Amino acid sequence: MSPSVDVTVGVLALQGAFNEHVQLLRQAAQILASRDNAVKRRWAFAEIRTAAELAACDALIIPGGESTTMSLVAERSGVLEPLRDFVKVLRKPTWGTCAGLILLAESANRTKNGGQELIGGLDVRVNRNHFGRQTESFQANLDLPFLRNPGGKGFDTKADPFRAIFIRAPIVEKVLPVVGGRQEREVVIDGTVVAPSKPVDTAVVKDFHLGDVEVMGVLHGRAAALDEAAKQRLDAEAEDIIAVRQANVFGTSFHPELTGDPRIHVWWLEQVIREVDQRRQAN
């Protein structure tokens, strides 16, 4: 009989770069286990396609890909509502990259005709495909403060920049008022879709406090990374919000899973450990 697993982390595998996330999660777990003060844990990293598989997870990653396709497949496969419950009712740790960030936003603009379904969880409005078409994808060095010695441990305070990959990437266009539910003011904006509200299950998540959206990373002078045609549309000195966190939900507009750099995955697993331990102690 196989040993029991301490923590199960799922990666939504309906579409997109889910396998790449699984590989980096495995690397991240090895890094955590190698630390002198590490608590020994057994990890399971699973591809998630059904509600039953999701129910077994302590945490979840929603990968990059095509957000409209992902939401459509989730709805047809009966996993969309369980995803909303996982994120907004049970409030389990969830990270979305690129398309995943769009799905986890409470509001998204530049939607296709008829819009798309959102999961919600982050009180932000995202601007889909902010930088243009796939041919206008680019890479940029990011200074991400949360990778610098987080919580008194982890990486060096002079950590190297994170070389991020942006592919048809969204940005956080606006941080919205914290309401913990449907953003009614967003509903009336043309071309904008809003996630349905879901009440937190306080019987499961005791003393839950949603809190403000925390900006975790910005892209400085992004026009320097683009071609001349794209530069004409953008302000070279502007800053775009490309990473945010609110309570149990984390979102990045870029693709860490495509870089081979496991640092963000290590940091996120640390957050997962903290949350899982708190829940188990409370119960």
Protein backbone atom coordinates (compact mmCIF):
# COMPACT_ATOMS: atom_id res chain seq x y z
CA MET A 1 0.00 0.00 0.00
CA SER A 2 1.37 3.43 -0.93
CA PRO A 3 2.06 5.90 1.91
CA SER A 4 -0.50 8.57 2.69
CA VAL A 5 -0.02 11.93 0.99
CA ASP A 6 0.29 15.05 3.11
CA VAL A 7 -0.68 17.59 0.45
CA THR A 8 -2.39 17.13 -2.91
CA VAL A 9 -1.98 19.91 -5.45
CA GLY A 10 -4.05 19.75 -8.61
CA VAL A 11 -3.44 21.37 -11.97
CA LEU A 12 -6.58 21.93 -14.05
CA ALA A 13 -5.97 19.85 -17.19
CA LEU A 14 -8.84 20.82 -19.47
CA GLN A 15 -6.66 22.81 -21.89
CA GLY A 16 -3.37 24.70 -21.86
CA ALA A 17 0.07 24.28 -20.29
CA PHE A 18 -0.86 21.98 -17.41
CA ASN A 19 1.95 19.45 -17.81
CA GLU A 20 4.58 22.18 -17.57
CA HIS A 21 3.14 23.23 -14.21
CA VAL A 22 3.29 19.67 -12.91
CA GLN A 23 6.97 19.41 -13.84
CA LEU A 24 7.88 22.65 -12.05
CA LEU A 25 5.82 21.67 -9.01
CA ARG A 26 7.90 18.51 -8.72
CA GLN A 27 11.09 20.55 -8.92
CA ALA A 28 9.75 22.98 -6.32
CA ALA A 29 8.88 20.16 -3.92
CA GLN A 30 12.43 18.81 -4.22
CA ILE A 31 13.84 22.25 -3.42
CA LEU A 32 11.62 22.56 -0.34
CA ALA A 33 12.62 19.08 0.83
CA SER A 34 16.33 19.91 0.47
CA ARG A 35 16.26 22.74 3.00
CA ASP A 36 17.85 22.04 6.35
CA ASN A 37 14.80 23.14 8.34
CA ALA A 38 12.25 21.54 6.03
CA VAL A 39 9.33 19.65 7.49
CA LYS A 40 9.21 16.33 5.66
CA ARG A 41 6.07 16.12 3.53
CA ARG A 42 4.69 13.82 0.92
CA TRP A 43 3.29 15.60 -2.11
CA ALA A 44 0.93 14.48 -4.85
CA PHE A 45 0.61 16.53 -8.03
CA ALA A 46 -2.42 15.57 -10.09
CA GLU A 47 -3.97 16.57 -13.39
CA ILE A 48 -7.58 17.54 -12.69
CA ARG A 49 -10.42 16.97 -15.16
CA THR A 50 -13.41 16.02 -13.03
CA ALA A 51 -15.25 17.28 -9.96
CA ALA A 52 -14.27 14.15 -8.05
CA GLU A 53 -10.58 14.70 -8.75
CA LEU A 54 -10.91 18.36 -7.72
CA ALA A 55 -12.55 17.39 -4.43
CA ALA A 56 -9.39 15.49 -3.42
CA CYS A 57 -7.17 18.58 -3.80
CA ASP A 58 -5.80 20.84 -1.08
CA ALA A 59 -4.76 23.46 -3.65
CA LEU A 60 -5.10 24.11 -7.37
CA ILE A 61 -3.32 25.75 -10.31
CA ILE A 62 -5.29 26.98 -13.32
CA PRO A 63 -2.76 27.12 -16.17
CA GLY A 64 -2.22 29.35 -19.13
CA GLY A 65 -4.06 28.54 -22.33
CA GLU A 66 -7.26 29.89 -23.89
CA SER A 67 -9.61 31.15 -21.20
CA THR A 68 -12.80 30.99 -23.26
CA THR A 69 -12.12 27.40 -24.31
CA MET A 70 -11.16 26.46 -20.78
CA SER A 71 -14.37 27.86 -19.30
CA LEU A 72 -16.49 26.20 -22.00
CA VAL A 73 -14.89 22.78 -21.42
CA ALA A 74 -15.25 23.25 -17.65
CA GLU A 75 -18.95 23.98 -18.03
CA ARG A 76 -19.58 21.06 -20.39
CA SER A 77 -17.68 18.64 -18.16
CA GLY A 78 -19.56 19.70 -15.04
CA VAL A 79 -16.53 21.09 -13.24
CA LEU A 80 -17.23 24.85 -13.46
CA GLU A 81 -19.46 25.08 -10.40
CA PRO A 82 -17.16 22.82 -8.34
CA LEU A 83 -14.30 25.15 -9.32
CA ARG A 84 -16.27 28.14 -8.04
CA ASP A 85 -16.97 26.29 -4.80
CA PHE A 86 -13.30 25.33 -4.45
CA VAL A 87 -12.11 28.93 -4.89
CA LYS A 88 -14.90 31.07 -3.43
CA VAL A 89 -16.77 28.87 -0.95
CA LEU A 90 -14.10 26.55 0.45
CA ARG A 91 -11.43 29.19 -0.22
CA LYS A 92 -8.66 26.71 -0.91
CA PRO A 93 -5.32 28.02 -2.27
CA THR A 94 -5.58 28.67 -6.00
CA TRP A 95 -3.11 30.13 -8.49
CA GLY A 96 -3.99 31.17 -12.02
CA THR A 97 -1.44 31.95 -14.75
CA CYS A 98 -2.42 34.02 -17.81
CA ALA A 99 -5.75 32.43 -18.82
CA GLY A 100 -6.03 31.25 -15.22
CA LEU A 101 -5.80 34.85 -14.03
CA ILE A 102 -8.64 35.81 -16.36
CA LEU A 103 -10.83 33.02 -15.03
CA LEU A 104 -10.12 33.96 -11.41
CA ALA A 105 -10.98 37.64 -11.91
CA GLU A 106 -14.35 38.95 -10.78
CA SER A 107 -14.54 41.02 -13.98
CA ALA A 108 -12.99 40.69 -17.44
CA ASN A 109 -13.32 42.96 -20.47
CA ARG A 110 -12.62 42.59 -24.18
CA THR A 111 -14.68 39.40 -24.13
CA LYS A 112 -15.96 37.63 -27.22
CA ASN A 113 -19.62 37.85 -28.25
CA GLY A 114 -21.70 36.42 -25.44
CA GLY A 115 -18.81 36.75 -23.03
CA GLN A 116 -17.31 33.84 -21.16
CA GLU A 117 -17.87 32.23 -17.79
CA LEU A 118 -15.59 33.31 -14.95
CA ILE A 119 -14.78 31.51 -11.73
CA GLY A 120 -13.95 34.65 -9.76
CA GLY A 121 -12.13 35.03 -6.46
CA LEU A 122 -9.99 38.11 -7.17
CA ASP A 123 -11.67 41.52 -6.88
CA VAL A 124 -10.02 42.84 -10.04
CA ARG A 125 -10.94 43.64 -13.62
CA VAL A 126 -8.60 42.12 -16.18
CA ASN A 127 -7.99 43.32 -19.70
CA ARG A 128 -7.70 40.27 -21.94
CA ASN A 129 -4.97 40.10 -24.61
CA HIS A 130 -3.66 43.46 -23.39
CA PHE A 131 -0.44 43.31 -25.40
CA GLY A 132 -2.00 42.18 -28.65
CA ARG A 133 -1.74 39.06 -30.77
CA GLN A 134 0.40 35.99 -30.19
CA THR A 135 2.97 37.35 -32.64
CA GLU A 136 3.48 40.22 -30.19
CA SER A 137 4.46 37.92 -27.34
CA PHE A 138 7.62 38.89 -25.47
CA GLN A 139 9.85 38.23 -22.47
CA ALA A 140 10.80 40.67 -19.73
CA ASN A 141 12.85 40.68 -16.54
CA LEU A 142 10.63 41.18 -13.49
CA ASP A 143 11.63 42.33 -10.03
CA LEU A 144 9.25 40.36 -7.82
CA PRO A 145 9.68 41.44 -4.19
CA PHE A 146 7.92 38.36 -2.80
CA LEU A 147 10.78 36.20 -4.10
CA ARG A 148 13.26 38.11 -1.96
CA ASN A 149 13.66 36.19 1.27
CA PRO A 150 9.91 35.69 1.89
CA GLY A 151 8.97 35.31 5.54
CA GLY A 152 12.59 35.28 6.67
CA LYS A 153 13.46 32.20 4.62
CA GLY A 154 13.64 31.14 1.03
CA PHE A 155 15.65 32.99 -1.56
CA ASP A 156 18.42 35.54 -1.27
CA THR A 157 17.39 39.15 -0.73
CA LYS A 158 19.26 39.98 -3.94
CA ALA A 159 17.43 37.45 -6.05
CA ASP A 160 17.96 37.59 -9.80
CA PRO A 161 15.11 39.06 -11.87
CA PHE A 162 12.49 36.59 -12.97
CA ARG A 163 12.55 36.18 -16.76
CA ALA A 164 8.81 36.17 -17.51
CA ILE A 165 7.09 35.05 -20.70
CA PHE A 166 4.02 37.00 -21.86
CA ILE A 167 1.83 35.33 -24.52
CA ARG A 168 -1.41 37.12 -25.40
CA ALA A 169 -1.26 38.15 -21.79
CA PRO A 170 -3.89 39.94 -19.73
CA ILE A 171 -3.15 42.60 -17.16
CA VAL A 172 -5.01 43.69 -14.06
CA GLU A 173 -6.62 46.83 -15.40
CA LYS A 174 -8.31 47.83 -12.14
CA VAL A 175 -8.40 46.73 -8.51
CA LEU A 176 -12.09 46.69 -7.56
CA PRO A 177 -13.79 47.40 -4.23
CA VAL A 178 -13.69 44.36 -2.00
CA VAL A 179 -17.20 42.92 -1.91
CA GLY A 180 -16.56 39.18 -1.82
CA GLY A 181 -19.21 38.59 -4.46
CA ARG A 182 -20.72 39.85 -7.67
CA GLN A 183 -19.36 43.22 -8.80
CA GLU A 184 -22.64 44.93 -9.71
CA ARG A 185 -21.01 48.10 -11.06
CA GLU A 186 -19.03 45.99 -13.50
CA VAL A 187 -22.13 44.32 -14.91
CA VAL A 188 -23.28 47.48 -16.71
CA ILE A 189 -19.98 48.01 -18.57
CA ASP A 190 -20.21 46.99 -22.23
CA GLY A 191 -18.01 44.06 -23.21
CA THR A 192 -17.43 43.08 -19.60
CA VAL A 193 -18.35 39.77 -17.97
CA VAL A 194 -18.66 39.30 -14.21
CA ALA A 195 -18.34 36.19 -12.07
CA PRO A 196 -21.35 35.04 -10.05
CA SER A 197 -21.25 35.51 -6.30
CA LYS A 198 -20.60 32.64 -3.91
CA PRO A 199 -20.77 32.85 -0.10
CA VAL A 200 -17.81 31.59 1.93
CA ASP A 201 -18.55 28.42 3.86
CA THR A 202 -17.70 29.72 7.34
CA ALA A 203 -18.29 26.27 8.79
CA VAL A 204 -15.24 25.11 6.84
CA VAL A 205 -13.22 28.34 6.66
CA LYS A 206 -13.43 29.76 10.17
CA ASP A 207 -12.86 33.47 10.85
CA PHE A 208 -12.35 34.11 7.15
CA HIS A 209 -11.43 37.65 6.12
CA LEU A 210 -11.23 38.40 2.41
CA GLY A 211 -9.00 41.47 2.67
CA ASP A 212 -7.74 43.81 0.00
CA VAL A 213 -6.14 42.85 -3.27
CA GLU A 214 -2.35 42.96 -2.91
CA VAL A 215 -0.27 43.97 -5.93
CA MET A 216 2.57 41.44 -6.08
CA GLY A 217 4.29 42.53 -9.28
CA VAL A 218 4.30 45.18 -11.99
CA LEU A 219 5.86 45.40 -15.43
CA HIS A 220 7.93 48.55 -15.84
CA GLY A 221 8.40 50.22 -19.23
CA ARG A 222 6.98 47.23 -21.08
CA ALA A 223 7.22 48.90 -24.48
CA ALA A 224 10.97 48.30 -24.44
CA ALA A 225 10.30 44.60 -24.98
CA LEU A 226 7.93 45.03 -27.91
CA ASP A 227 8.33 45.59 -31.61
CA GLU A 228 7.91 49.01 -33.21
CA ALA A 229 4.29 48.51 -34.24
CA ALA A 230 3.28 47.56 -30.71
CA LYS A 231 5.26 50.43 -29.19
CA GLN A 232 3.10 52.94 -31.02
CA ARG A 233 0.10 51.86 -28.93
CA LEU A 234 1.74 51.83 -25.52
CA ASP A 235 3.32 54.23 -23.06
CA ALA A 236 6.92 53.14 -22.55
CA GLU A 237 6.97 54.44 -18.96
CA ALA A 238 3.66 52.93 -17.82
CA GLU A 239 3.40 50.21 -15.23
CA ASP A 240 1.06 47.27 -15.68
CA ILE A 241 -0.10 45.10 -12.79
CA ILE A 242 0.89 41.56 -13.67
CA ALA A 243 0.66 39.71 -10.33
CA VAL A 244 -1.91 39.99 -7.54
CA ARG A 245 -3.03 38.12 -4.45
CA GLN A 246 -6.19 38.24 -2.37
CA ALA A 247 -6.75 35.84 0.52
CA ASN A 248 -6.41 32.33 -0.94
CA VAL A 249 -6.13 33.39 -4.61
CA PHE A 250 -2.94 34.30 -6.48
CA GLY A 251 -2.76 35.36 -10.13
CA THR A 252 0.01 36.09 -12.63
CA SER A 253 -0.50 37.37 -16.16
CA PHE A 254 2.67 35.70 -17.41
CA HIS A 255 3.68 32.02 -17.77
CA PRO A 256 6.11 30.87 -15.03
CA GLU A 257 5.45 27.29 -16.13
CA LEU A 258 7.19 27.91 -19.47
CA THR A 259 10.42 29.33 -18.02
CA GLY A 260 12.02 26.36 -16.29
CA ASP A 261 12.51 28.66 -13.27
CA PRO A 262 10.79 27.07 -10.23
CA ARG A 263 11.11 30.00 -7.81
CA ILE A 264 7.49 31.14 -7.96
CA HIS A 265 6.29 27.55 -7.64
CA VAL A 266 8.50 27.15 -4.53
CA TRP A 267 7.08 30.34 -3.03
CA TRP A 268 3.50 29.30 -3.80
CA LEU A 269 3.94 25.84 -2.29
CA GLU A 270 5.15 27.56 0.87
CA GLN A 271 1.86 29.47 0.95
CA VAL A 272 -0.04 26.24 0.38
CA ILE A 273 1.77 24.53 3.26
CA ARG A 274 0.95 27.41 5.59
CA GLU A 275 -2.73 27.38 4.64
CA VAL A 276 -3.10 23.60 4.80
CA ASP A 277 -1.43 23.45 8.22
CA GLN A 278 -3.69 26.21 9.58
CA ARG A 279 -6.82 24.44 8.35
CA ARG A 280 -5.80 21.10 9.81
CA GLN A 281 -4.92 22.66 13.17
CA ALA A 282 -8.27 24.47 13.24
CA ASN A 283 -10.12 21.21 12.64
